[in-house]
Amino acid sequence: MAYEEAILIKIDKTTKKKMSSTQDNWSELIRTFIQKELNKKRNVAKAERLRAKLFRRVKGPDSTAVIREMRDSRYGPNSA
């Protein structure tokens, strides 16, 4: 993977001292963290689009009118 962009973050001295005391590759850890967060956000956006698609209101006849029609045809008008 070629890296073309750079970002700068500021941390306090205590955090920098703690980071320096380890052998971790902080740049790689931060890149990995950012990629995971971006993937999560993309997955959430996909899930939201899918949810909206699945649960959008179905357009069709009014179900109460259909039921009323069926009851009226079966039992006659003014049936409860």
C-alpha atoms as a PDB file:
ATOM      1  CA  MET A   1       0.000   0.000   0.000  1.00  0.00           C
ATOM      2  CA  ALA A   2       1.438   3.331  -1.024  1.00  0.00           C
ATOM      3  CA  TYR A   3       0.918   6.199   1.368  1.00  0.00           C
ATOM      4  CA  GLU A   4       0.422   9.560  -0.311  1.00  0.00           C
ATOM      5  CA  GLU A   5      -1.251  11.675   2.344  1.00  0.00           C
ATOM      6  CA  ALA A   6      -0.126  12.638   5.824  1.00  0.00           C
ATOM      7  CA  ILE A   7      -2.071  13.793   8.854  1.00  0.00           C
ATOM      8  CA  LEU A   8      -0.816  15.397  12.032  1.00  0.00           C
ATOM      9  CA  ILE A   9      -2.178  14.701  15.476  1.00  0.00           C
ATOM     10  CA  LYS A  10      -1.259  16.350  18.721  1.00  0.00           C
ATOM     11  CA  ILE A  11      -0.937  14.444  21.971  1.00  0.00           C
ATOM     12  CA  ASP A  12       0.125  15.442  25.438  1.00  0.00           C
ATOM     13  CA  LYS A  13       3.646  14.784  26.744  1.00  0.00           C
ATOM     14  CA  THR A  14       2.537  11.997  29.079  1.00  0.00           C
ATOM     15  CA  THR A  15       0.926  10.072  26.243  1.00  0.00           C
ATOM     16  CA  LYS A  16       3.993  10.585  24.021  1.00  0.00           C
ATOM     17  CA  LYS A  17       6.247   9.304  26.798  1.00  0.00           C
ATOM     18  CA  LYS A  18       4.084   6.196  27.240  1.00  0.00           C
ATOM     19  CA  MET A  19       4.055   5.598  23.487  1.00  0.00           C
ATOM     20  CA  SER A  20       7.840   5.931  23.311  1.00  0.00           C
ATOM     21  CA  SER A  21       8.289   3.357  26.051  1.00  0.00           C
ATOM     22  CA  THR A  22       6.759   0.638  23.838  1.00  0.00           C
ATOM     23  CA  GLN A  23       8.013  -0.992  20.676  1.00  0.00           C
ATOM     24  CA  ASP A  24       4.701  -0.592  18.867  1.00  0.00           C
ATOM     25  CA  ASN A  25       4.458   0.854  15.372  1.00  0.00           C
ATOM     26  CA  TRP A  26       2.027   3.621  16.233  1.00  0.00           C
ATOM     27  CA  SER A  27       1.641   4.802  12.659  1.00  0.00           C
ATOM     28  CA  GLU A  28       0.503   1.350  11.577  1.00  0.00           C
ATOM     29  CA  LEU A  29      -1.799   1.002  14.599  1.00  0.00           C
ATOM     30  CA  ILE A  30      -3.441   4.331  13.833  1.00  0.00           C
ATOM     31  CA  ARG A  31      -3.802   3.482  10.105  1.00  0.00           C
ATOM     32  CA  THR A  32      -5.431   0.167  11.034  1.00  0.00           C
ATOM     33  CA  PHE A  33      -7.763   1.861  13.505  1.00  0.00           C
ATOM     34  CA  ILE A  34      -8.827   4.454  10.930  1.00  0.00           C
ATOM     35  CA  GLN A  35      -9.493   1.758   8.317  1.00  0.00           C
ATOM     36  CA  LYS A  36     -11.628  -0.235  10.773  1.00  0.00           C
ATOM     37  CA  GLU A  37     -13.647   2.855  11.701  1.00  0.00           C
ATOM     38  CA  LEU A  38     -14.202   3.721   8.040  1.00  0.00           C
ATOM     39  CA  ASN A  39     -15.349   0.156   7.352  1.00  0.00           C
ATOM     40  CA  LYS A  40     -17.774   0.327  10.288  1.00  0.00           C
ATOM     41  CA  LYS A  41     -19.229   3.596   9.017  1.00  0.00           C
ATOM     42  CA  ARG A  42     -19.575   2.196   5.504  1.00  0.00           C
ATOM     43  CA  ASN A  43     -21.306  -0.914   6.868  1.00  0.00           C
ATOM     44  CA  VAL A  44     -23.673   1.207   8.964  1.00  0.00           C
ATOM     45  CA  ALA A  45     -24.527   3.290   5.898  1.00  0.00           C
ATOM     46  CA  LYS A  46     -25.159   0.102   3.873  1.00  0.00           C
ATOM     47  CA  ALA A  47     -27.351  -1.285   6.652  1.00  0.00           C
ATOM     48  CA  GLU A  48     -29.346   1.960   6.822  1.00  0.00           C
ATOM     49  CA  ARG A  49     -29.946   1.919   3.064  1.00  0.00           C
ATOM     50  CA  LEU A  50     -31.002  -1.732   3.219  1.00  0.00           C
ATOM     51  CA  ARG A  51     -33.298  -1.080   6.191  1.00  0.00           C
ATOM     52  CA  ALA A  52     -34.925   1.826   4.391  1.00  0.00           C
ATOM     53  CA  LYS A  53     -35.396  -0.317   1.306  1.00  0.00           C
ATOM     54  CA  LEU A  54     -36.884  -3.228   3.247  1.00  0.00           C
ATOM     55  CA  PHE A  55     -39.203  -1.187   5.425  1.00  0.00           C
ATOM     56  CA  ARG A  56     -40.433   1.434   3.008  1.00  0.00           C
ATOM     57  CA  ARG A  57     -44.165   1.756   2.979  1.00  0.00           C
ATOM     58  CA  VAL A  58     -45.834  -0.557   0.520  1.00  0.00           C
ATOM     59  CA  LYS A  59     -48.020   1.334  -1.900  1.00  0.00           C
ATOM     60  CA  GLY A  60     -51.284  -0.342  -2.639  1.00  0.00           C
ATOM     61  CA  PRO A  61     -54.913  -0.370  -1.639  1.00  0.00           C
ATOM     62  CA  ASP A  62     -55.918   0.732   1.833  1.00  0.00           C
ATOM     63  CA  SER A  63     -56.201  -2.501   3.819  1.00  0.00           C
ATOM     64  CA  THR A  64     -59.049  -1.192   5.985  1.00  0.00           C
ATOM     65  CA  ALA A  65     -61.085  -0.403   2.868  1.00  0.00           C
ATOM     66  CA  VAL A  66     -60.441  -3.901   1.495  1.00  0.00           C
ATOM     67  CA  ILE A  67     -61.497  -5.529   4.766  1.00  0.00           C
ATOM     68  CA  ARG A  68     -64.634  -3.345   4.925  1.00  0.00           C
ATOM     69  CA  GLU A  69     -65.499  -4.342   1.357  1.00  0.00           C
ATOM     70  CA  MET A  70     -65.074  -8.042   2.157  1.00  0.00           C
ATOM     71  CA  ARG A  71     -67.232  -7.779   5.282  1.00  0.00           C
ATOM     72  CA  ASP A  72     -69.913  -5.814   3.457  1.00  0.00           C
ATOM     73  CA  SER A  73     -70.015  -8.368   0.648  1.00  0.00           C
ATOM     74  CA  ARG A  74     -70.197 -11.248   3.125  1.00  0.00           C
ATOM     75  CA  TYR A  75     -72.548  -9.858   5.778  1.00  0.00           C
ATOM     76  CA  GLY A  76     -74.145  -6.873   4.081  1.00  0.00           C
ATOM     77  CA  PRO A  77     -73.633  -3.147   4.764  1.00  0.00           C
ATOM     78  CA  ASN A  78     -73.609  -1.780   8.304  1.00  0.00           C
ATOM     79  CA  SER A  79     -72.072  -4.958   9.779  1.00  0.00           C
ATOM     80  CA  ALA A  80     -69.626  -4.474  12.586  1.00  0.00           C
END
